[in-house]
Amino acid sequence: MSDFPSLPKGQKGDFSLKREAGTIVFTGKFDDDMGFGHYKFTADNTFSDFVKSQGVTGDEDRNALSFFMVDLKKSYVEMVIRNGFKDINGNRLVSMAALKVDEPYIKMWKANGFPDITTNELVSAKSMHIHEAYVKEIRDAGYPDISIHQLVAFKSQDITGDYIRSLRTKNGNGESELPPANQLVAYKSMNIDAAYVNSFKAVGYENIPYNQLTAMKSMDITPEFVKGFVDLGYKDIPAHDLIALKSQGIDAAYVKNFEDAGYKDIPVHDLVALKSQDITPEYIKGFEAIGYKDIAIHSLIPLKSMDITPEYINGFKKLGFTDIPLNELPGLKSTGVTPEYVASMQEKGFKSTDLRKYMRLKNTFNEDK
């Protein structure tokens, strides 16, 4: 309130505020610290002409009031131009002034290896309170070539030098390395820290690729999840396979159910295929109950994908077709040969002990019944 030494208290009155950009005349009154009324702004034409002469672009009328509000001064405009920012947009100039982007701040960036810093970058950096100490901290931690855009992203995620150092790992050649800067932002946003990375070492996972760590965290893959598979004999499952297992909702309990049904050491890709087709031990037991023992995993998948059930097979058995090879069942189902179809053909006088003949008949005449 120091700009208003004589406010009208308790009664209506006029008071004004004069700055280089112009003058506002207020008409109203104040009750304690609350005021109401209206105002009229008059731009200072000399200031407006000066700003225009310096190459500042944009809507003159709108800029004039904005310049007043941030108390823009000729000396500030001259400073900005002097530091290489010619033909600056009025809106950007307002943002710089509002954030108090001063000459030492601009020179700090240029002295730290950013000679071509833009006004947009200056505004972004200042709005995130990025100063020289932070730039040095991030560079010393392992990102000497970091860009301003990346620095802003780092600061927005509260990434510190200590956080960066905690994520150092060794690559296949034994060399220390860090995730790419852009990847690090994803790490922090997902709360991936040294504790999460190191927790997998206890179950045998050293130096998980950075992109896979992000995917693992997004899928909520934990060391406990991995250990469940390790305890069943699945050692060194690649990270991308762990992601596939979790995405399908496959855990150690799911695998154990198949082991109890006699299916041990099922390859990971077959586990994913089984779950994607919703094949369960109960589904397998249904086939075992009608005489199909030790069905190979690769045979189960086409059966389920074609919706072939023990009931479907029993229908043929009732017609005298016993011991149908499993590999013939998908062909029967895909051509539309059902127990009902065979029975109807037999009633019409077509009788055969070879189901393949019914398939040929169906294909030949395109029978629907």
Protein backbone atom coordinates (compact mmCIF):
# COMPACT_ATOMS: atom_id res chain seq x y z
CA MET A 1 0.00 0.00 0.00
CA SER A 2 3.05 2.27 0.02
CA ASP A 3 2.15 3.37 -3.53
CA PHE A 4 -1.08 4.90 -2.16
CA PRO A 5 -0.21 7.40 0.59
CA SER A 6 -3.58 9.17 0.62
CA LEU A 7 -6.46 6.74 0.26
CA PRO A 8 -10.02 8.04 0.75
CA LYS A 9 -11.08 6.37 4.02
CA GLY A 10 -14.81 6.15 4.73
CA GLN A 11 -15.82 8.45 1.90
CA LYS A 12 -15.69 8.50 -1.86
CA GLY A 13 -12.69 10.11 -3.43
CA ASP A 14 -10.06 9.99 -6.16
CA PHE A 15 -6.51 8.79 -5.93
CA SER A 16 -3.93 7.91 -8.54
CA LEU A 17 -0.90 5.77 -9.20
CA LYS A 18 1.73 7.01 -11.65
CA ARG A 19 4.40 4.82 -13.22
CA GLU A 20 6.63 5.12 -16.30
CA ALA A 21 4.12 3.21 -18.41
CA GLY A 22 1.20 5.49 -17.51
CA THR A 23 -1.22 6.56 -14.81
CA ILE A 24 -4.29 4.98 -13.23
CA VAL A 25 -6.89 7.22 -11.60
CA PHE A 26 -9.08 5.38 -9.10
CA THR A 27 -12.48 6.60 -7.95
CA GLY A 28 -13.92 4.91 -4.86
CA LYS A 29 -13.46 4.59 -1.14
CA PHE A 30 -11.91 2.31 1.48
CA ASP A 31 -13.36 0.75 4.62
CA ASP A 32 -10.40 -0.50 6.60
CA ASP A 33 -8.36 -2.57 4.13
CA MET A 34 -11.24 -3.16 1.70
CA GLY A 35 -11.92 -0.84 -1.22
CA PHE A 36 -14.33 -0.57 -4.11
CA GLY A 37 -14.84 1.70 -7.09
CA HIS A 38 -13.57 1.98 -10.64
CA TYR A 39 -10.44 3.13 -12.42
CA LYS A 40 -9.22 4.69 -15.65
CA PHE A 41 -5.82 3.91 -17.13
CA THR A 42 -4.00 6.39 -19.37
CA ALA A 43 -0.91 5.15 -21.11
CA ASP A 44 2.17 7.35 -21.22
CA ASN A 45 2.66 7.97 -24.94
CA THR A 46 6.33 8.78 -24.51
CA PHE A 47 6.90 5.41 -22.82
CA SER A 48 4.82 3.59 -25.44
CA ASP A 49 6.80 5.23 -28.25
CA PHE A 50 10.05 4.31 -26.53
CA VAL A 51 9.05 0.67 -26.15
CA LYS A 52 8.01 0.51 -29.77
CA SER A 53 11.27 2.06 -30.88
CA GLN A 54 13.14 -0.73 -29.10
CA GLY A 55 11.49 -3.34 -31.31
CA VAL A 56 8.97 -4.66 -28.79
CA THR A 57 6.07 -6.28 -30.66
CA GLY A 58 2.46 -7.12 -29.80
CA ASP A 59 -0.87 -5.42 -29.09
CA GLU A 60 0.08 -1.87 -28.03
CA ASP A 61 -3.08 -1.15 -26.03
CA ARG A 62 -3.00 -4.43 -24.15
CA ASN A 63 0.73 -4.23 -23.64
CA ALA A 64 0.46 -0.72 -22.18
CA LEU A 65 -1.70 -1.80 -19.22
CA SER A 66 0.40 -4.94 -18.69
CA PHE A 67 3.56 -2.82 -18.66
CA PHE A 68 1.97 -0.65 -16.00
CA MET A 69 0.93 -3.59 -13.85
CA VAL A 70 4.47 -5.03 -13.69
CA ASP A 71 5.95 -1.52 -13.31
CA LEU A 72 8.04 -1.92 -16.45
CA LYS A 73 10.76 0.71 -16.73
CA LYS A 74 12.77 2.03 -19.66
CA SER A 75 15.95 0.87 -17.97
CA TYR A 76 14.62 -2.70 -17.84
CA VAL A 77 13.73 -2.65 -21.54
CA GLU A 78 17.20 -1.31 -22.36
CA MET A 79 18.78 -4.05 -20.25
CA VAL A 80 16.88 -6.77 -22.08
CA ILE A 81 17.81 -5.37 -25.48
CA ARG A 82 21.41 -4.89 -24.39
CA ASN A 83 21.65 -8.59 -23.54
CA GLY A 84 20.73 -9.64 -27.05
CA PHE A 85 16.95 -10.00 -26.95
CA LYS A 86 15.86 -7.84 -29.85
CA ASP A 87 12.33 -7.81 -31.32
CA ILE A 88 10.96 -9.26 -28.09
CA ASN A 89 7.23 -9.83 -27.74
CA GLY A 90 5.47 -7.61 -25.25
CA ASN A 91 3.88 -10.54 -23.41
CA ARG A 92 7.29 -12.16 -22.92
CA LEU A 93 8.74 -8.86 -21.69
CA VAL A 94 5.93 -8.65 -19.13
CA SER A 95 6.62 -12.21 -17.94
CA MET A 96 10.33 -11.46 -17.54
CA ALA A 97 9.66 -8.29 -15.58
CA ALA A 98 7.03 -9.94 -13.38
CA LEU A 99 9.48 -12.72 -12.48
CA LYS A 100 12.29 -10.22 -11.98
CA VAL A 101 14.56 -11.76 -14.61
CA ASP A 102 17.39 -9.29 -14.18
CA GLU A 103 20.74 -8.80 -15.86
CA PRO A 104 22.80 -10.89 -13.41
CA TYR A 105 20.39 -13.79 -13.93
CA ILE A 106 20.70 -13.56 -17.71
CA LYS A 107 24.49 -13.32 -17.54
CA MET A 108 24.64 -16.28 -15.17
CA TRP A 109 23.08 -18.52 -17.82
CA LYS A 110 25.32 -17.25 -20.59
CA ALA A 111 28.39 -17.72 -18.41
CA ASN A 112 27.33 -21.30 -17.69
CA GLY A 113 27.33 -22.40 -21.30
CA PHE A 114 23.96 -21.19 -22.55
CA PRO A 115 24.87 -18.22 -24.80
CA ASP A 116 21.75 -18.64 -26.93
CA ILE A 117 19.23 -18.91 -24.12
CA THR A 118 15.78 -17.68 -25.17
CA THR A 119 13.35 -15.48 -23.30
CA ASN A 120 10.97 -18.45 -23.02
CA GLU A 121 13.72 -20.47 -21.37
CA LEU A 122 14.60 -17.65 -19.02
CA VAL A 123 10.99 -17.34 -17.90
CA SER A 124 10.65 -21.11 -17.42
CA ALA A 125 13.90 -21.35 -15.47
CA LYS A 126 13.12 -18.37 -13.24
CA SER A 127 9.59 -19.58 -12.55
CA MET A 128 11.12 -22.86 -11.26
CA HIS A 129 13.69 -20.93 -9.15
CA ILE A 130 16.62 -22.46 -11.00
CA HIS A 131 19.88 -20.75 -10.12
CA GLU A 132 23.57 -21.35 -10.73
CA ALA A 133 23.99 -23.68 -7.75
CA TYR A 134 21.34 -26.05 -9.09
CA VAL A 135 22.88 -26.09 -12.57
CA LYS A 136 26.26 -27.00 -11.04
CA GLU A 137 24.68 -29.65 -8.80
CA ILE A 138 23.07 -31.45 -11.72
CA ARG A 139 26.15 -31.23 -13.93
CA ASP A 140 28.45 -32.50 -11.18
CA ALA A 141 26.08 -35.40 -10.50
CA GLY A 142 26.53 -36.71 -14.03
CA TYR A 143 24.71 -34.61 -16.61
CA PRO A 144 27.31 -32.11 -17.91
CA ASP A 145 25.46 -31.51 -21.17
CA ILE A 146 21.99 -31.03 -19.77
CA SER A 147 19.71 -28.60 -21.59
CA ILE A 148 17.63 -25.84 -20.02
CA HIS A 149 14.46 -27.71 -20.95
CA GLN A 150 15.74 -30.76 -19.08
CA LEU A 151 16.82 -28.65 -16.10
CA VAL A 152 13.30 -27.25 -15.86
CA ALA A 153 11.85 -30.77 -16.04
CA PHE A 154 14.33 -31.94 -13.36
CA LYS A 155 13.43 -29.10 -11.01
CA SER A 156 9.71 -29.65 -11.54
CA GLN A 157 10.21 -33.23 -10.28
CA ASP A 158 12.51 -32.11 -7.43
CA ILE A 159 15.42 -34.11 -8.84
CA THR A 160 18.60 -33.48 -6.86
CA GLY A 161 22.23 -34.42 -7.24
CA ASP A 162 21.89 -36.99 -4.46
CA TYR A 163 18.96 -38.64 -6.25
CA ILE A 164 20.96 -38.83 -9.47
CA ARG A 165 24.04 -40.31 -7.81
CA SER A 166 21.93 -42.95 -6.07
CA LEU A 167 20.85 -44.33 -9.47
CA ARG A 168 24.31 -44.97 -10.89
CA THR A 169 24.71 -48.55 -12.12
CA LYS A 170 27.34 -50.49 -14.04
CA ASN A 171 26.79 -51.52 -17.64
CA GLY A 172 27.91 -54.77 -19.26
CA ASN A 173 31.44 -53.41 -19.56
CA GLY A 174 31.60 -52.52 -15.89
CA GLU A 175 31.36 -48.81 -16.62
CA SER A 176 29.29 -46.49 -14.44
CA GLU A 177 26.26 -45.06 -16.19
CA LEU A 178 23.06 -43.12 -15.59
CA PRO A 179 19.68 -43.19 -17.34
CA PRO A 180 19.17 -40.64 -20.12
CA ALA A 181 18.02 -37.29 -18.76
CA ASN A 182 14.54 -37.64 -20.23
CA GLN A 183 14.23 -41.13 -18.73
CA LEU A 184 15.25 -39.80 -15.33
CA VAL A 185 12.23 -37.50 -15.26
CA ALA A 186 10.00 -40.54 -15.82
CA TYR A 187 11.87 -42.35 -13.02
CA LYS A 188 11.20 -39.60 -10.52
CA SER A 189 7.58 -39.16 -11.54
CA MET A 190 7.06 -42.89 -10.88
CA ASN A 191 8.96 -42.83 -7.58
CA ILE A 192 11.73 -45.09 -8.87
CA ASP A 193 14.63 -44.66 -6.49
CA ALA A 194 17.76 -46.51 -5.41
CA ALA A 195 15.79 -48.58 -2.91
CA TYR A 196 13.49 -49.87 -5.66
CA VAL A 197 16.38 -50.64 -8.02
CA ASN A 198 18.46 -52.35 -5.34
CA SER A 199 15.55 -54.41 -4.06
CA PHE A 200 15.74 -56.57 -7.19
CA LYS A 201 19.36 -57.49 -6.57
CA ALA A 202 18.24 -59.85 -3.81
CA VAL A 203 16.38 -61.93 -6.41
CA GLY A 204 19.22 -61.89 -8.92
CA TYR A 205 18.46 -58.86 -11.07
CA GLU A 206 21.47 -56.61 -11.52
CA ASN A 207 21.55 -53.66 -13.91
CA ILE A 208 17.99 -53.86 -15.23
CA PRO A 209 17.75 -51.72 -18.40
CA TYR A 210 16.36 -48.29 -17.59
CA ASN A 211 13.43 -48.44 -19.98
CA GLN A 212 12.40 -51.82 -18.55
CA LEU A 213 12.61 -50.51 -14.99
CA THR A 214 10.08 -47.85 -15.87
CA ALA A 215 7.76 -50.45 -17.40
CA MET A 216 8.21 -52.74 -14.37
CA LYS A 217 7.32 -49.96 -11.96
CA SER A 218 4.28 -48.99 -14.02
CA MET A 219 3.10 -52.61 -13.76
CA ASP A 220 3.77 -52.67 -10.00
CA ILE A 221 6.30 -55.50 -10.36
CA THR A 222 8.01 -56.10 -7.01
CA PRO A 223 10.82 -58.38 -5.83
CA GLU A 224 8.15 -60.47 -4.09
CA PHE A 225 6.42 -61.02 -7.42
CA VAL A 226 9.71 -62.15 -8.96
CA LYS A 227 10.63 -64.35 -6.00
CA GLY A 228 7.42 -66.33 -6.41
CA PHE A 229 8.66 -67.47 -9.82
CA VAL A 230 12.22 -68.04 -8.59
CA ASP A 231 10.91 -70.38 -5.90
CA LEU A 232 9.21 -72.44 -8.62
CA GLY A 233 12.45 -72.75 -10.58
CA TYR A 234 12.03 -69.83 -12.96
CA LYS A 235 15.39 -68.14 -12.67
CA ASP A 236 16.64 -65.20 -14.71
CA ILE A 237 13.31 -64.42 -16.35
CA PRO A 238 14.07 -61.48 -18.68
CA ALA A 239 12.57 -58.20 -17.54
CA HIS A 240 10.37 -57.98 -20.64
CA ASP A 241 8.92 -61.41 -19.82
CA LEU A 242 8.19 -60.31 -16.25
CA ILE A 243 6.26 -57.40 -17.72
CA ALA A 244 4.31 -59.76 -19.99
CA LEU A 245 3.49 -62.07 -17.05
CA LYS A 246 2.27 -59.21 -14.86
CA SER A 247 0.26 -57.65 -17.67
CA GLN A 248 -1.64 -60.93 -18.01
CA GLY A 249 -2.17 -61.26 -14.26
CA ILE A 250 0.05 -64.35 -14.08
CA ASP A 251 1.63 -64.94 -10.69
CA ALA A 252 3.30 -67.85 -8.89
CA ALA A 253 -0.05 -69.15 -7.67
CA TYR A 254 -1.29 -69.43 -11.26
CA VAL A 255 1.78 -71.44 -12.25
CA LYS A 256 1.52 -73.65 -9.14
CA ASN A 257 -2.00 -74.68 -10.13
CA PHE A 258 -0.64 -76.08 -13.41
CA GLU A 259 2.22 -77.81 -11.62
CA ASP A 260 -0.29 -79.53 -9.36
CA ALA A 261 -2.07 -80.71 -12.50
CA GLY A 262 1.18 -82.25 -13.79
CA TYR A 263 2.44 -79.42 -15.98
CA LYS A 264 5.88 -78.41 -14.78
CA ASP A 265 8.43 -76.02 -16.23
CA ILE A 266 5.97 -74.40 -18.62
CA PRO A 267 7.91 -71.82 -20.72
CA VAL A 268 7.01 -68.21 -20.00
CA HIS A 269 5.63 -67.62 -23.49
CA ASP A 270 3.32 -70.63 -23.06
CA LEU A 271 2.14 -69.31 -19.69
CA VAL A 272 1.20 -66.04 -21.37
CA ALA A 273 -0.61 -67.93 -24.14
CA LEU A 274 -2.48 -70.08 -21.61
CA LYS A 275 -3.66 -67.07 -19.64
CA SER A 276 -4.58 -65.08 -22.73
CA GLN A 277 -6.88 -67.96 -23.74
CA ASP A 278 -8.20 -68.35 -20.17
CA ILE A 279 -7.01 -71.97 -20.05
CA THR A 280 -7.18 -73.37 -16.52
CA PRO A 281 -6.20 -76.69 -14.93
CA GLU A 282 -9.93 -77.41 -14.66
CA TYR A 283 -10.26 -77.05 -18.44
CA ILE A 284 -7.46 -79.60 -18.91
CA LYS A 285 -8.96 -82.00 -16.38
CA GLY A 286 -12.15 -82.03 -18.42
CA PHE A 287 -10.22 -83.56 -21.36
CA GLU A 288 -8.36 -85.97 -19.09
CA ALA A 289 -11.71 -87.24 -17.81
CA ILE A 290 -12.67 -88.36 -21.34
CA GLY A 291 -9.35 -90.06 -22.06
CA TYR A 292 -6.97 -87.35 -23.27
CA LYS A 293 -3.90 -87.61 -21.04
CA ASP A 294 -0.71 -85.57 -21.09
CA ILE A 295 -1.98 -83.00 -23.56
CA ALA A 296 0.85 -80.81 -24.84
CA ILE A 297 0.53 -77.10 -24.05
CA HIS A 298 0.73 -76.20 -27.74
CA SER A 299 -2.29 -78.47 -28.37
CA LEU A 300 -4.40 -76.85 -25.66
CA ILE A 301 -4.22 -73.38 -27.15
CA PRO A 302 -5.95 -74.14 -30.48
CA LEU A 303 -8.57 -76.21 -28.64
CA LYS A 304 -9.50 -73.27 -26.42
CA SER A 305 -9.28 -70.70 -29.20
CA MET A 306 -11.81 -72.77 -31.20
CA ASP A 307 -14.03 -73.20 -28.12
CA ILE A 308 -13.61 -76.98 -28.25
CA THR A 309 -14.91 -78.54 -25.04
CA PRO A 310 -15.17 -82.05 -23.61
CA GLU A 311 -18.93 -81.79 -24.23
CA TYR A 312 -18.27 -81.21 -27.93
CA ILE A 313 -16.12 -84.35 -28.09
CA ASN A 314 -18.60 -86.44 -26.06
CA GLY A 315 -21.23 -85.68 -28.68
CA PHE A 316 -19.11 -87.53 -31.26
CA LYS A 317 -18.41 -90.38 -28.84
CA LYS A 318 -22.13 -91.00 -28.51
CA LEU A 319 -22.21 -91.47 -32.26
CA GLY A 320 -19.42 -94.06 -32.08
CA PHE A 321 -16.46 -91.84 -32.85
CA THR A 322 -14.02 -92.69 -30.10
CA ASP A 323 -10.35 -91.77 -29.87
CA ILE A 324 -10.57 -88.71 -32.12
CA PRO A 325 -7.01 -87.31 -32.46
CA LEU A 326 -6.70 -83.93 -30.81
CA ASN A 327 -5.17 -82.40 -33.93
CA GLU A 328 -8.33 -83.24 -35.93
CA LEU A 329 -10.68 -81.43 -33.56
CA PRO A 330 -9.83 -77.85 -34.69
CA GLY A 331 -10.45 -78.88 -38.30
CA LEU A 332 -13.86 -80.31 -37.40
CA LYS A 333 -14.86 -77.21 -35.47
CA SER A 334 -13.57 -74.74 -38.06
CA THR A 335 -15.60 -76.43 -40.86
CA GLY A 336 -18.74 -76.47 -38.74
CA VAL A 337 -18.86 -80.24 -38.33
CA THR A 338 -20.76 -80.91 -35.10
CA PRO A 339 -22.30 -84.05 -33.60
CA GLU A 340 -25.68 -82.70 -34.71
CA TYR A 341 -24.45 -82.30 -38.27
CA VAL A 342 -23.06 -85.86 -38.38
CA ALA A 343 -26.28 -87.27 -36.92
CA SER A 344 -28.35 -85.44 -39.54
CA MET A 345 -26.18 -86.80 -42.37
CA GLN A 346 -26.45 -90.31 -41.00
CA GLU A 347 -30.23 -90.01 -40.98
CA LYS A 348 -30.02 -89.05 -44.67
CA GLY A 349 -28.06 -92.21 -45.36
CA PHE A 350 -24.49 -90.90 -45.36
CA LYS A 351 -22.65 -93.12 -42.94
CA SER A 352 -18.92 -93.28 -42.42
CA THR A 353 -16.47 -94.06 -39.63
CA ASP A 354 -14.13 -91.37 -40.92
CA LEU A 355 -14.97 -87.88 -39.65
CA ARG A 356 -12.78 -86.34 -42.34
CA LYS A 357 -15.37 -87.45 -44.92
CA TYR A 358 -17.98 -85.40 -43.09
CA MET A 359 -15.61 -82.45 -43.29
CA ARG A 360 -15.27 -82.90 -47.05
CA LEU A 361 -19.03 -83.25 -47.36
CA LYS A 362 -19.58 -80.09 -45.43
CA ASN A 363 -17.07 -78.18 -47.55
CA THR A 364 -18.42 -79.58 -50.81
CA PHE A 365 -22.09 -78.83 -50.28
CA ASN A 366 -21.68 -76.01 -47.78
CA GLU A 367 -24.24 -77.74 -45.63
CA ASP A 368 -25.59 -75.79 -42.69
CA LYS A 369 -27.45 -78.70 -41.12
